[in-house]
């Protein structure tokens, strides 16, 4: 099997078991998810700006 074909498991899966994780692991996952939330919000803002610009263009 080629190294490129090996998939790393996701760092976090919604709903996954948390019983075996340490406090540090849980804090790390919270940080990861907070970073992802910021990234998603920025993507939403960018799409809204694009849509708004397109709407303005077609109103003329």
N, C-alpha and C. Protein backbone atom coordinates (compact mmCIF):
# COMPACT_ATOMS: atom_id res chain seq x y z
N UNK A 1 0.84 -1.18 0.00
CA UNK A 1 0.00 0.00 0.00
C UNK A 1 0.88 1.24 0.00
N UNK A 2 0.55 2.19 -0.81
CA UNK A 2 1.29 3.42 -0.96
C UNK A 2 0.98 4.37 0.20
N UNK A 3 1.97 5.15 0.64
CA UNK A 3 1.76 6.10 1.73
C UNK A 3 0.66 7.10 1.41
N UNK A 4 0.52 7.49 0.13
CA UNK A 4 -0.51 8.43 -0.26
C UNK A 4 -1.91 7.84 -0.11
N UNK A 5 -2.01 6.53 -0.13
CA UNK A 5 -3.30 5.86 -0.04
C UNK A 5 -3.75 5.65 1.40
N UNK A 6 -2.83 5.76 2.34
CA UNK A 6 -3.16 5.58 3.75
C UNK A 6 -3.86 6.85 4.23
N UNK A 7 -5.06 6.66 4.74
CA UNK A 7 -5.81 7.81 5.24
C UNK A 7 -5.66 7.90 6.75
N UNK A 8 -5.39 9.12 7.22
CA UNK A 8 -5.35 9.34 8.65
C UNK A 8 -6.78 9.47 9.15
N UNK A 9 -7.08 8.93 10.31
CA UNK A 9 -8.43 9.10 10.85
C UNK A 9 -8.66 10.57 11.19
N UNK A 10 -9.90 11.02 11.12
CA UNK A 10 -10.17 12.41 11.46
C UNK A 10 -9.79 12.67 12.91
N UNK A 11 -9.37 13.89 13.17
CA UNK A 11 -8.96 14.24 14.53
C UNK A 11 -10.13 14.19 15.49
N UNK A 12 -11.33 14.45 14.98
CA UNK A 12 -12.51 14.39 15.81
C UNK A 12 -13.72 14.06 14.95
N UNK A 13 -14.56 13.21 15.47
CA UNK A 13 -15.81 12.87 14.80
C UNK A 13 -16.93 13.22 15.76
N UNK A 14 -17.90 13.97 15.28
CA UNK A 14 -19.03 14.34 16.12
C UNK A 14 -19.72 13.07 16.61
N UNK A 15 -19.94 13.01 17.91
CA UNK A 15 -20.61 11.87 18.51
C UNK A 15 -19.69 10.75 18.95
N UNK A 16 -18.40 10.91 18.71
CA UNK A 16 -17.47 9.84 19.09
C UNK A 16 -17.39 9.70 20.61
N UNK A 17 -16.98 8.54 21.07
CA UNK A 17 -16.85 8.30 22.50
C UNK A 17 -15.76 9.17 23.11
N UNK A 18 -16.05 9.67 24.29
CA UNK A 18 -15.10 10.55 24.98
C UNK A 18 -14.56 9.92 26.26
N UNK A 19 -15.06 8.76 26.60
CA UNK A 19 -14.72 8.12 27.88
C UNK A 19 -13.24 7.82 28.06
N UNK A 20 -12.54 7.53 26.98
CA UNK A 20 -11.14 7.13 27.09
C UNK A 20 -10.17 8.30 26.94
N UNK A 21 -10.68 9.50 26.73
CA UNK A 21 -9.80 10.66 26.51
C UNK A 21 -9.46 11.35 27.81
N UNK A 22 -8.22 11.82 27.88
CA UNK A 22 -7.78 12.57 29.05
C UNK A 22 -8.30 14.01 28.96
N UNK A 23 -8.16 14.73 30.04
CA UNK A 23 -8.56 16.14 30.06
C UNK A 23 -7.78 16.92 29.00
N UNK A 24 -6.48 16.65 28.89
CA UNK A 24 -5.67 17.34 27.90
C UNK A 24 -6.14 17.04 26.48
N UNK A 25 -6.50 15.79 26.21
CA UNK A 25 -7.00 15.42 24.89
C UNK A 25 -8.32 16.13 24.60
N UNK A 26 -9.19 16.20 25.60
CA UNK A 26 -10.47 16.89 25.42
C UNK A 26 -10.26 18.38 25.16
N UNK A 27 -9.35 19.00 25.90
CA UNK A 27 -9.04 20.42 25.68
C UNK A 27 -8.47 20.64 24.28
N UNK A 28 -7.64 19.73 23.85
CA UNK A 28 -7.06 19.82 22.51
C UNK A 28 -8.14 19.75 21.45
N UNK A 29 -9.09 18.88 21.63
CA UNK A 29 -10.19 18.74 20.66
C UNK A 29 -11.08 19.97 20.65
N UNK A 30 -11.31 20.55 21.83
CA UNK A 30 -12.09 21.79 21.91
C UNK A 30 -11.39 22.87 21.11
N UNK A 31 -10.08 23.00 21.28
CA UNK A 31 -9.31 23.99 20.55
C UNK A 31 -9.40 23.75 19.04
N UNK A 32 -9.27 22.51 18.64
CA UNK A 32 -9.37 22.14 17.23
C UNK A 32 -10.74 22.53 16.67
N UNK A 33 -11.79 22.22 17.41
CA UNK A 33 -13.15 22.53 16.95
C UNK A 33 -13.41 24.04 16.92
N UNK A 34 -12.89 24.78 17.91
CA UNK A 34 -13.06 26.23 17.90
C UNK A 34 -12.37 26.85 16.69
N UNK A 35 -11.20 26.35 16.34
CA UNK A 35 -10.49 26.82 15.15
C UNK A 35 -11.29 26.51 13.90
N UNK A 36 -11.88 25.35 13.85
CA UNK A 36 -12.69 24.95 12.70
C UNK A 36 -13.95 25.82 12.59
N UNK A 37 -14.55 26.17 13.71
CA UNK A 37 -15.72 27.05 13.71
C UNK A 37 -15.37 28.40 13.11
N UNK A 38 -14.23 28.95 13.49
CA UNK A 38 -13.79 30.23 12.93
C UNK A 38 -13.61 30.10 11.42
N UNK A 39 -12.98 29.03 10.97
CA UNK A 39 -12.76 28.81 9.55
C UNK A 39 -14.09 28.72 8.79
N UNK A 40 -15.04 28.01 9.36
CA UNK A 40 -16.36 27.87 8.73
C UNK A 40 -17.10 29.21 8.68
N UNK A 41 -17.00 29.99 9.74
CA UNK A 41 -17.66 31.31 9.74
C UNK A 41 -17.05 32.24 8.69
N UNK A 42 -15.75 32.17 8.51
CA UNK A 42 -15.09 32.97 7.48
C UNK A 42 -15.54 32.53 6.08
N UNK A 43 -15.71 31.25 5.89
CA UNK A 43 -16.19 30.74 4.61
C UNK A 43 -17.62 31.21 4.34
N UNK A 44 -18.45 31.23 5.36
CA UNK A 44 -19.82 31.73 5.21
C UNK A 44 -19.80 33.20 4.83
N UNK A 45 -18.99 33.99 5.51
CA UNK A 45 -18.89 35.43 5.21
C UNK A 45 -18.46 35.65 3.76
N UNK A 46 -17.48 34.90 3.31
CA UNK A 46 -16.99 35.04 1.94
C UNK A 46 -18.09 34.71 0.94
N UNK A 47 -18.84 33.68 1.19
CA UNK A 47 -19.92 33.30 0.27
C UNK A 47 -21.05 34.33 0.28
N UNK A 48 -21.34 34.88 1.46
CA UNK A 48 -22.37 35.91 1.53
C UNK A 48 -21.94 37.17 0.77
N UNK A 49 -20.67 37.52 0.86
CA UNK A 49 -20.17 38.69 0.12
C UNK A 49 -20.26 38.45 -1.38
N UNK A 50 -19.90 37.24 -1.81
CA UNK A 50 -19.97 36.90 -3.23
C UNK A 50 -21.41 36.95 -3.71
N UNK A 51 -22.32 36.39 -2.94
CA UNK A 51 -23.73 36.39 -3.32
C UNK A 51 -24.28 37.81 -3.36
N UNK A 52 -23.91 38.62 -2.38
CA UNK A 52 -24.37 40.01 -2.34
C UNK A 52 -23.86 40.79 -3.56
N UNK A 53 -22.60 40.57 -3.92
CA UNK A 53 -22.03 41.24 -5.09
C UNK A 53 -22.76 40.81 -6.36
N UNK A 54 -23.08 39.53 -6.46
CA UNK A 54 -23.80 39.03 -7.63
C UNK A 54 -25.22 39.62 -7.68
N UNK A 55 -25.88 39.71 -6.56
CA UNK A 55 -27.21 40.29 -6.51
C UNK A 55 -27.17 41.77 -6.92
N UNK A 56 -26.16 42.49 -6.47
CA UNK A 56 -26.02 43.90 -6.85
C UNK A 56 -25.79 44.03 -8.35
N UNK A 57 -25.03 43.16 -8.91
CA UNK A 57 -24.73 43.20 -10.35
C UNK A 57 -25.98 42.98 -11.17
N UNK A 58 -26.83 42.06 -10.74
CA UNK A 58 -28.02 41.74 -11.53
C UNK A 58 -29.18 42.70 -11.25
N UNK A 59 -29.08 43.56 -10.26
CA UNK A 59 -30.12 44.55 -9.97
C UNK A 59 -30.01 45.75 -10.89
N UNK A 60 -28.83 45.93 -11.43
CA UNK A 60 -28.59 47.12 -12.27
C UNK A 60 -29.31 47.01 -13.57
